[in-house]
Amino acid sequence: MHWPLARKPVRARDIPFYNLHYLHGCRRPGDPTIVWGTDVAAEPMSEYVRECNRGSKILFSPAHVLVQAVGRALKRHPELNRRIVGKRIFNFRDVNVRMMTYNRGFNEVEVLLIRHVDSLSLERIARILWKNQHRAARGDTPDHADKAWLRRRFPGPLLGWIVRSYLYLDSRFSLPKVDRIDRIACSPVLVNYLAFSGAPPMRAYKPSNYPHESSTLSVTMGRVEKQPVVRNGQLVVGQVAPLFVRADHRIASAYHLAQFTETVRKLLMDPAAMELTSGKPTTDRTDIQAA
């Protein structure tokens, strides 16, 4: 007989914070998740990003275009801008988007909340994301400060109890939100751009169903690849980006998911059109909060 596991478990302080949310929050046996995977012809988006970067002081990327497209699509499909509280469904007042970023210096993921993204220009979105990246490298984002505060005030098993208690209450009652960790509940959608260096080609992706009832939608795009495609009846080498959208079946049907996915897809293939609907730039105080 032998013991295959180490004598002591991994300490809570050595586990990334959002992994603790899954560890202590995932209790339901059911998984009301539907996922739609598709491809996006990426030549228009790639050319648009190159054109925007010519002579610009800001570096634009497909990630910024993806955030803008999701915001515009959510505005056009308000039936998905909702969350579940208990057995009831509520509409969100605003169109906000959460963006997942990775902080290499702290080996942690961070969630950035961008408010009123349906009216932001591509330049404004890029400024917000780059500003957050610079702050993350210094370790002074609100997300980093919130996690450090929670770990310091509620060490070990107590933090797990706090997470479970919060998720229990927030999933059953419509509660006001304060400028701490629960800002994450101010948006139904999480955007992931998984085109980081070293990432393999993406053929399938099933986004996790975050144990928070506000997370009913997830949009993930992989890196652009060269693939054989048929264009105008001819086999050519084209640029293709994989796109996966997850939705909560308690809110959306496959019909709703398909419509939303196709809207995001069309916007990514005609990104210049989104600038025509951009509103006036807003201040950092109203359009950005790191969750």
Protein backbone atom coordinates (compact mmCIF):
# COMPACT_ATOMS: atom_id res chain seq x y z
CA MET A 1 0.00 0.00 0.00
CA HIS A 2 1.18 3.50 -0.73
CA TRP A 3 -0.14 7.05 -0.59
CA PRO A 4 -0.15 8.57 -4.08
CA LEU A 5 -0.82 12.13 -2.85
CA ALA A 6 1.34 14.46 -0.80
CA ARG A 7 0.62 14.52 2.93
CA LYS A 8 -0.61 18.14 2.92
CA PRO A 9 -2.85 19.85 0.36
CA VAL A 10 -1.74 22.86 -1.65
CA ARG A 11 -2.04 25.97 0.49
CA ALA A 12 -4.88 28.32 -0.40
CA ARG A 13 -2.44 31.21 -0.76
CA ASP A 14 -0.61 29.25 -3.47
CA ILE A 15 -3.76 28.79 -5.58
CA PRO A 16 -4.68 31.56 -8.07
CA PHE A 17 -7.64 33.50 -6.76
CA TYR A 18 -10.13 32.75 -9.52
CA ASN A 19 -9.30 29.05 -9.31
CA LEU A 20 -10.55 29.29 -5.72
CA HIS A 21 -13.88 30.55 -7.06
CA TYR A 22 -14.26 27.38 -9.13
CA LEU A 23 -12.95 25.20 -6.30
CA HIS A 24 -15.43 26.49 -3.72
CA GLY A 25 -18.28 27.60 -5.97
CA CYS A 26 -18.96 24.69 -8.36
CA ARG A 27 -21.55 22.54 -6.64
CA ARG A 28 -24.42 22.07 -9.10
CA PRO A 29 -24.56 18.67 -10.84
CA GLY A 30 -26.27 20.19 -13.87
CA ASP A 31 -24.47 22.05 -16.65
CA PRO A 32 -26.94 24.22 -18.62
CA THR A 33 -24.34 25.13 -21.22
CA ILE A 34 -24.53 25.36 -25.01
CA VAL A 35 -21.49 26.17 -27.17
CA TRP A 36 -21.35 27.27 -30.78
CA GLY A 37 -18.02 27.01 -32.59
CA THR A 38 -17.36 28.67 -35.93
CA ASP A 39 -14.66 30.28 -38.07
CA VAL A 40 -14.12 33.91 -39.02
CA ALA A 41 -12.50 35.04 -42.27
CA ALA A 42 -9.76 37.13 -40.71
CA GLU A 43 -8.30 39.02 -43.69
CA PRO A 44 -10.55 42.13 -43.24
CA MET A 45 -9.81 42.27 -39.51
CA SER A 46 -6.05 41.80 -40.00
CA GLU A 47 -5.91 44.46 -42.68
CA TYR A 48 -8.02 46.83 -40.59
CA VAL A 49 -5.69 46.43 -37.59
CA ARG A 50 -2.63 47.05 -39.79
CA GLU A 51 -4.25 50.16 -41.23
CA CYS A 52 -5.13 51.48 -37.76
CA ASN A 53 -1.54 50.93 -36.59
CA ARG A 54 -0.06 52.99 -39.43
CA GLY A 55 1.00 56.28 -37.88
CA SER A 56 -0.87 55.61 -34.64
CA LYS A 57 0.64 56.16 -31.20
CA ILE A 58 -1.49 53.28 -29.88
CA LEU A 59 -0.89 49.64 -30.76
CA PHE A 60 -4.14 48.00 -31.88
CA SER A 61 -4.72 44.25 -31.88
CA PRO A 62 -7.50 41.79 -32.82
CA ALA A 63 -8.31 41.58 -29.09
CA HIS A 64 -9.49 45.19 -29.16
CA VAL A 65 -11.64 44.53 -32.23
CA LEU A 66 -13.12 41.47 -30.52
CA VAL A 67 -14.15 43.47 -27.43
CA GLN A 68 -15.76 46.13 -29.62
CA ALA A 69 -17.64 43.49 -31.67
CA VAL A 70 -18.99 41.77 -28.56
CA GLY A 71 -20.23 45.08 -27.16
CA ARG A 72 -22.01 45.97 -30.39
CA ALA A 73 -23.50 42.47 -30.69
CA LEU A 74 -24.77 42.51 -27.11
CA LYS A 75 -26.48 45.84 -27.81
CA ARG A 76 -28.25 44.29 -30.82
CA HIS A 77 -29.29 41.20 -28.86
CA PRO A 78 -30.57 42.50 -25.50
CA GLU A 79 -32.19 39.12 -24.80
CA LEU A 80 -28.68 37.90 -23.89
CA ASN A 81 -27.78 40.91 -21.74
CA ARG A 82 -29.35 39.24 -18.72
CA ARG A 83 -28.55 37.29 -15.59
CA ILE A 84 -30.28 34.79 -13.36
CA VAL A 85 -31.13 35.51 -9.73
CA GLY A 86 -32.73 32.52 -8.03
CA LYS A 87 -35.37 31.33 -10.49
CA ARG A 88 -35.88 34.75 -12.09
CA ILE A 89 -34.19 36.49 -15.02
CA PHE A 90 -33.20 40.16 -14.89
CA ASN A 91 -32.03 42.54 -17.62
CA PHE A 92 -28.78 44.46 -17.14
CA ARG A 93 -29.20 48.22 -17.23
CA ASP A 94 -26.00 48.83 -19.26
CA VAL A 95 -23.91 46.99 -21.84
CA ASN A 96 -20.70 46.07 -20.05
CA VAL A 97 -18.04 43.54 -21.03
CA ARG A 98 -15.50 41.64 -18.97
CA MET A 99 -12.10 40.93 -20.53
CA MET A 100 -9.80 38.22 -19.22
CA THR A 101 -6.08 39.08 -19.16
CA TYR A 102 -3.06 37.17 -17.89
CA ASN A 103 -0.54 38.78 -15.54
CA ARG A 104 2.75 36.95 -16.11
CA GLY A 105 4.50 38.74 -13.28
CA PHE A 106 2.07 37.40 -10.66
CA ASN A 107 1.06 34.18 -12.50
CA GLU A 108 -2.58 35.19 -12.16
CA VAL A 109 -5.47 36.01 -14.44
CA GLU A 110 -7.21 39.34 -14.01
CA VAL A 111 -10.69 40.36 -15.06
CA LEU A 112 -11.23 43.84 -16.44
CA LEU A 113 -14.73 45.32 -16.49
CA ILE A 114 -15.30 47.79 -19.36
CA ARG A 115 -18.48 49.78 -18.96
CA HIS A 116 -20.75 51.08 -21.77
CA VAL A 117 -18.62 49.24 -24.32
CA ASP A 118 -21.41 49.37 -26.91
CA SER A 119 -20.60 53.06 -27.58
CA LEU A 120 -16.78 53.06 -27.22
CA SER A 121 -14.46 53.61 -30.17
CA LEU A 122 -11.68 51.14 -30.95
CA GLU A 123 -9.10 53.69 -29.83
CA ARG A 124 -10.83 54.13 -26.49
CA ILE A 125 -11.00 50.36 -25.94
CA ALA A 126 -7.31 49.99 -26.80
CA ARG A 127 -6.33 52.77 -24.38
CA ILE A 128 -8.33 51.15 -21.60
CA LEU A 129 -6.80 47.70 -22.12
CA TRP A 130 -3.22 48.94 -22.44
CA LYS A 131 -3.58 51.14 -19.38
CA ASN A 132 -4.77 48.13 -17.40
CA GLN A 133 -1.86 46.01 -18.72
CA HIS A 134 0.68 48.61 -17.58
CA ARG A 135 -0.94 48.81 -14.16
CA ALA A 136 -1.06 45.02 -13.91
CA ALA A 137 2.68 44.81 -14.55
CA ARG A 138 3.19 47.10 -11.54
CA GLY A 139 0.71 45.14 -9.43
CA ASP A 140 -1.52 48.14 -8.67
CA THR A 141 -4.77 47.27 -10.47
CA PRO A 142 -7.95 47.21 -8.35
CA ASP A 143 -8.21 43.49 -9.15
CA HIS A 144 -4.76 42.82 -7.68
CA ALA A 145 -5.45 44.99 -4.63
CA ASP A 146 -8.81 43.31 -3.98
CA LYS A 147 -7.33 39.80 -4.12
CA ALA A 148 -4.44 40.77 -1.85
CA TRP A 149 -6.89 42.32 0.64
CA LEU A 150 -9.09 39.22 0.71
CA ARG A 151 -6.15 36.86 1.16
CA ARG A 152 -4.76 38.99 3.96
CA ARG A 153 -8.05 39.43 5.83
CA PHE A 154 -9.43 35.92 5.25
CA PRO A 155 -6.57 33.38 5.15
CA GLY A 156 -6.89 29.66 4.48
CA PRO A 157 -10.27 27.88 4.76
CA LEU A 158 -12.01 31.08 5.83
CA LEU A 159 -11.56 32.51 2.32
CA GLY A 160 -13.31 29.45 0.87
CA TRP A 161 -16.22 29.97 3.25
CA ILE A 162 -16.44 33.65 2.25
CA VAL A 163 -16.50 32.73 -1.45
CA ARG A 164 -19.24 30.12 -0.95
CA SER A 165 -21.33 32.47 1.18
CA TYR A 166 -21.07 35.33 -1.31
CA LEU A 167 -21.96 33.14 -4.30
CA TYR A 168 -24.90 31.69 -2.36
CA LEU A 169 -26.34 35.09 -1.51
CA ASP A 170 -25.65 36.73 -4.87
CA SER A 171 -27.22 33.84 -6.79
CA ARG A 172 -30.47 34.11 -4.80
CA PHE A 173 -30.93 37.83 -4.16
CA SER A 174 -30.66 40.93 -6.36
CA LEU A 175 -27.98 42.76 -4.39
CA PRO A 176 -26.39 46.18 -4.97
CA LYS A 177 -22.76 46.10 -6.09
CA VAL A 178 -19.85 47.92 -4.50
CA ASP A 179 -16.42 48.71 -5.91
CA ARG A 180 -14.81 45.49 -4.71
CA ILE A 181 -14.68 41.98 -6.14
CA ASP A 182 -18.43 41.83 -6.89
CA ARG A 183 -17.99 44.31 -9.77
CA ILE A 184 -17.57 41.11 -11.76
CA ALA A 185 -21.35 40.66 -11.52
CA CYS A 186 -22.01 43.82 -13.57
CA SER A 187 -21.73 42.08 -16.95
CA PRO A 188 -23.09 38.84 -18.41
CA VAL A 189 -20.22 38.24 -20.87
CA LEU A 190 -16.57 37.29 -20.53
CA VAL A 191 -14.27 37.87 -23.53
CA ASN A 192 -11.17 35.72 -24.05
CA TYR A 193 -8.57 36.30 -26.76
CA LEU A 194 -6.35 33.21 -26.65
CA ALA A 195 -3.76 34.11 -29.28
CA PHE A 196 -0.84 34.40 -26.88
CA SER A 197 2.66 33.29 -27.86
CA GLY A 198 3.05 29.52 -27.77
CA ALA A 199 -0.67 28.76 -27.99
CA PRO A 200 -1.39 25.74 -30.24
CA PRO A 201 -3.94 25.87 -33.07
CA MET A 202 -7.47 25.92 -31.65
CA ARG A 203 -9.84 23.25 -32.98
CA ALA A 204 -12.24 22.98 -30.03
CA TYR A 205 -12.76 25.02 -26.90
CA LYS A 206 -15.31 24.66 -24.13
CA PRO A 207 -15.31 27.77 -21.90
CA SER A 208 -15.81 27.05 -18.22
CA ASN A 209 -19.19 27.81 -16.73
CA TYR A 210 -18.07 30.26 -14.05
CA PRO A 211 -19.78 29.58 -10.70
CA HIS A 212 -21.40 32.99 -10.69
CA GLU A 213 -24.91 33.37 -12.02
CA SER A 214 -24.03 36.65 -13.76
CA SER A 215 -21.72 34.84 -16.19
CA THR A 216 -24.23 33.58 -18.76
CA LEU A 217 -22.21 34.30 -21.91
CA SER A 218 -18.61 33.77 -23.01
CA VAL A 219 -16.87 34.70 -26.29
CA THR A 220 -13.46 33.21 -27.12
CA MET A 221 -11.30 33.74 -30.19
CA GLY A 222 -8.06 31.95 -31.03
CA ARG A 223 -5.13 33.12 -33.10
CA VAL A 224 -5.39 33.75 -36.83
CA GLU A 225 -4.14 30.81 -38.93
CA LYS A 226 -3.51 30.17 -42.59
CA GLN A 227 -5.86 27.45 -43.85
CA PRO A 228 -7.16 26.20 -47.20
CA VAL A 229 -10.58 27.77 -47.83
CA VAL A 230 -13.00 27.98 -50.74
CA ARG A 231 -13.53 31.54 -52.01
CA ASN A 232 -15.65 32.18 -55.13
CA GLY A 233 -15.50 28.51 -56.01
CA GLN A 234 -11.67 28.42 -55.83
CA LEU A 235 -9.48 26.70 -53.28
CA VAL A 236 -7.12 29.31 -51.82
CA VAL A 237 -5.02 29.88 -48.72
CA GLY A 238 -6.95 32.17 -46.38
CA GLN A 239 -6.63 33.62 -42.90
CA VAL A 240 -9.07 32.06 -40.45
CA ALA A 241 -9.69 32.68 -36.75
CA PRO A 242 -11.65 30.19 -34.59
CA LEU A 243 -14.54 31.63 -32.59
CA PHE A 244 -16.44 29.92 -29.76
CA VAL A 245 -19.46 31.31 -27.94
CA ARG A 246 -20.91 29.74 -24.79
CA ALA A 247 -24.38 30.62 -23.50
CA ASP A 248 -26.56 29.59 -20.57
CA HIS A 249 -29.45 27.48 -21.86
CA ARG A 250 -31.66 28.88 -19.09
CA ILE A 251 -31.50 32.25 -20.86
CA ALA A 252 -30.70 31.51 -24.50
CA SER A 253 -31.83 28.92 -27.01
CA ALA A 254 -29.66 27.61 -29.83
CA TYR A 255 -31.52 30.05 -32.10
CA HIS A 256 -30.53 33.05 -29.94
CA LEU A 257 -26.97 31.78 -29.65
CA ALA A 258 -26.67 31.35 -33.42
CA GLN A 259 -27.96 34.88 -34.08
CA PHE A 260 -25.58 36.44 -31.56
CA THR A 261 -22.63 34.41 -32.86
CA GLU A 262 -23.34 35.40 -36.45
CA THR A 263 -23.57 39.08 -35.46
CA VAL A 264 -20.16 38.91 -33.76
CA ARG A 265 -18.78 37.07 -36.79
CA LYS A 266 -20.05 39.68 -39.28
CA LEU A 267 -18.76 42.56 -37.18
CA LEU A 268 -15.29 40.98 -37.02
CA MET A 269 -15.33 40.65 -40.81
CA ASP A 270 -16.30 44.35 -41.23
CA PRO A 271 -14.67 46.10 -38.25
CA ALA A 272 -14.64 49.56 -39.86
CA ALA A 273 -18.44 49.65 -39.73
CA MET A 274 -18.35 49.57 -35.92
CA GLU A 275 -16.67 52.97 -35.77
CA LEU A 276 -19.77 54.52 -37.35
CA THR A 277 -21.74 53.71 -34.18
CA SER A 278 -19.13 54.88 -31.67
CA GLY A 279 -20.32 57.46 -29.20
CA LYS A 280 -18.36 60.22 -27.55
CA PRO A 281 -15.36 59.03 -25.50
CA THR A 282 -16.07 58.75 -21.81
CA THR A 283 -13.75 59.08 -18.87
CA ASP A 284 -11.90 56.22 -17.17
CA ARG A 285 -14.15 56.63 -14.16
CA THR A 286 -17.25 55.53 -16.08
CA ASP A 287 -15.99 53.06 -18.67
CA ILE A 288 -13.36 50.98 -16.87
CA GLN A 289 -13.12 49.07 -13.64
CA ALA A 290 -10.84 46.13 -13.01
CA ALA A 291 -13.00 43.48 -11.41
